[in-house]
């Protein structure tokens, strides 16, 4: 390898290592803050938040059940039409 190129690459690599380390540390801090924020948001919701989520889940289950009944009805109609 050309000694002039090597002489330029060594300081570039040496200076880029701390920059990358600083950036990674910043990303780690941001990630930890987001996780902590989410943890506080969900733990702060308490019983009211859990009840709201349970109600929403129950509503979705009812809707899914109704959709299953409609699909079954449609399948019966289609199968009746094919056999006739």
C-alpha atoms as a PDB file:
ATOM      1  CA  UNK A   1       0.000   0.000   0.000  1.00  0.00           C
ATOM      2  CA  UNK A   2       1.177   3.515  -0.740  1.00  0.00           C
ATOM      3  CA  UNK A   3       2.750   5.094   2.391  1.00  0.00           C
ATOM      4  CA  UNK A   4       1.139   8.480   1.635  1.00  0.00           C
ATOM      5  CA  UNK A   5      -2.341   6.949   1.535  1.00  0.00           C
ATOM      6  CA  UNK A   6      -1.617   5.010   4.692  1.00  0.00           C
ATOM      7  CA  UNK A   7      -0.403   8.194   6.372  1.00  0.00           C
ATOM      8  CA  UNK A   8      -3.720   9.896   5.593  1.00  0.00           C
ATOM      9  CA  UNK A   9      -5.928   6.904   6.528  1.00  0.00           C
ATOM     10  CA  UNK A  10      -4.465   6.379  10.004  1.00  0.00           C
ATOM     11  CA  UNK A  11      -5.614   9.771  11.419  1.00  0.00           C
ATOM     12  CA  UNK A  12      -8.990   9.477   9.685  1.00  0.00           C
ATOM     13  CA  UNK A  13      -9.642   6.074  11.261  1.00  0.00           C
ATOM     14  CA  UNK A  14      -8.243   7.207  14.609  1.00  0.00           C
ATOM     15  CA  UNK A  15     -10.559  10.243  14.689  1.00  0.00           C
ATOM     16  CA  UNK A  16     -13.615   8.381  13.418  1.00  0.00           C
ATOM     17  CA  UNK A  17     -13.577   5.831  16.262  1.00  0.00           C
ATOM     18  CA  UNK A  18     -14.439   8.380  19.005  1.00  0.00           C
ATOM     19  CA  UNK A  19     -17.049  10.015  16.765  1.00  0.00           C
ATOM     20  CA  UNK A  20     -18.768   6.663  16.205  1.00  0.00           C
ATOM     21  CA  UNK A  21     -18.589   5.919  19.937  1.00  0.00           C
ATOM     22  CA  UNK A  22     -20.197   9.270  20.779  1.00  0.00           C
ATOM     23  CA  UNK A  23     -22.969   8.705  18.236  1.00  0.00           C
ATOM     24  CA  UNK A  24     -23.671   5.197  19.518  1.00  0.00           C
ATOM     25  CA  UNK A  25     -23.825   6.464  23.101  1.00  0.00           C
ATOM     26  CA  UNK A  26     -26.332   9.119  22.014  1.00  0.00           C
ATOM     27  CA  UNK A  27     -28.507   6.530  20.264  1.00  0.00           C
ATOM     28  CA  UNK A  28     -28.364   4.354  23.365  1.00  0.00           C
ATOM     29  CA  UNK A  29     -29.534   7.247  25.570  1.00  0.00           C
ATOM     30  CA  UNK A  30     -32.405   8.045  23.217  1.00  0.00           C
ATOM     31  CA  UNK A  31     -33.438   4.380  23.154  1.00  0.00           C
ATOM     32  CA  UNK A  32     -33.366   4.126  26.963  1.00  0.00           C
ATOM     33  CA  UNK A  33     -35.427   7.310  27.288  1.00  0.00           C
ATOM     34  CA  UNK A  34     -38.055   5.958  24.893  1.00  0.00           C
ATOM     35  CA  UNK A  35     -38.267   2.677  26.757  1.00  0.00           C
ATOM     36  CA  UNK A  36     -38.570   4.473  30.089  1.00  0.00           C
ATOM     37  CA  UNK A  37     -41.231   6.811  28.681  1.00  0.00           C
ATOM     38  CA  UNK A  38     -43.266   3.865  27.417  1.00  0.00           C
ATOM     39  CA  UNK A  39     -42.878   2.085  30.744  1.00  0.00           C
ATOM     40  CA  UNK A  40     -44.102   5.148  32.641  1.00  0.00           C
ATOM     41  CA  UNK A  41     -46.964   5.714  30.230  1.00  0.00           C
ATOM     42  CA  UNK A  42     -48.287   2.173  30.607  1.00  0.00           C
ATOM     43  CA  UNK A  43     -47.678   1.881  34.329  1.00  0.00           C
ATOM     44  CA  UNK A  44     -49.298   5.274  34.862  1.00  0.00           C
ATOM     45  CA  UNK A  45     -52.406   4.123  33.045  1.00  0.00           C
ATOM     46  CA  UNK A  46     -53.321   1.974  36.049  1.00  0.00           C
ATOM     47  CA  UNK A  47     -56.635   0.225  36.340  1.00  0.00           C
ATOM     48  CA  UNK A  48     -58.507   2.715  34.157  1.00  0.00           C
ATOM     49  CA  UNK A  49     -56.157   2.059  31.249  1.00  0.00           C
ATOM     50  CA  UNK A  50     -56.382  -1.690  31.697  1.00  0.00           C
ATOM     51  CA  UNK A  51     -60.176  -1.562  31.846  1.00  0.00           C
ATOM     52  CA  UNK A  52     -60.244   0.495  28.662  1.00  0.00           C
ATOM     53  CA  UNK A  53     -57.970  -2.002  26.929  1.00  0.00           C
ATOM     54  CA  UNK A  54     -60.078  -4.930  28.123  1.00  0.00           C
ATOM     55  CA  UNK A  55     -63.221  -3.223  26.853  1.00  0.00           C
ATOM     56  CA  UNK A  56     -61.619  -2.596  23.490  1.00  0.00           C
ATOM     57  CA  UNK A  57     -60.468  -6.210  23.251  1.00  0.00           C
ATOM     58  CA  UNK A  58     -63.974  -7.437  24.087  1.00  0.00           C
ATOM     59  CA  UNK A  59     -65.408  -5.145  21.406  1.00  0.00           C
ATOM     60  CA  UNK A  60     -62.955  -6.498  18.855  1.00  0.00           C
ATOM     61  CA  UNK A  61     -63.872 -10.070  19.821  1.00  0.00           C
ATOM     62  CA  UNK A  62     -67.547  -9.324  19.249  1.00  0.00           C
ATOM     63  CA  UNK A  63     -66.804  -7.788  15.858  1.00  0.00           C
ATOM     64  CA  UNK A  64     -64.670 -10.789  14.907  1.00  0.00           C
ATOM     65  CA  UNK A  65     -67.430 -13.160  15.952  1.00  0.00           C
ATOM     66  CA  UNK A  66     -69.962 -11.247  13.827  1.00  0.00           C
ATOM     67  CA  UNK A  67     -67.603 -11.328  10.859  1.00  0.00           C
ATOM     68  CA  UNK A  68     -67.141 -15.088  11.260  1.00  0.00           C
ATOM     69  CA  UNK A  69     -70.917 -15.556  11.234  1.00  0.00           C
ATOM     70  CA  UNK A  70     -71.209 -13.460   8.068  1.00  0.00           C
ATOM     71  CA  UNK A  71     -68.455 -15.435   6.350  1.00  0.00           C
ATOM     72  CA  UNK A  72     -70.138 -18.720   7.318  1.00  0.00           C
ATOM     73  CA  UNK A  73     -73.474 -17.467   5.976  1.00  0.00           C
ATOM     74  CA  UNK A  74     -71.852 -16.356   2.723  1.00  0.00           C
ATOM     75  CA  UNK A  75     -70.109 -19.705   2.344  1.00  0.00           C
ATOM     76  CA  UNK A  76     -73.414 -21.537   2.836  1.00  0.00           C
ATOM     77  CA  UNK A  77     -75.094 -19.354   0.197  1.00  0.00           C
ATOM     78  CA  UNK A  78     -72.266 -19.892  -2.261  1.00  0.00           C
ATOM     79  CA  UNK A  79     -72.185 -23.644  -1.716  1.00  0.00           C
ATOM     80  CA  UNK A  80     -75.976 -23.826  -2.152  1.00  0.00           C
ATOM     81  CA  UNK A  81     -75.731 -21.921  -5.431  1.00  0.00           C
ATOM     82  CA  UNK A  82     -73.027 -24.237  -6.796  1.00  0.00           C
ATOM     83  CA  UNK A  83     -74.896 -27.443  -5.967  1.00  0.00           C
ATOM     84  CA  UNK A  84     -78.136 -26.305  -7.670  1.00  0.00           C
END
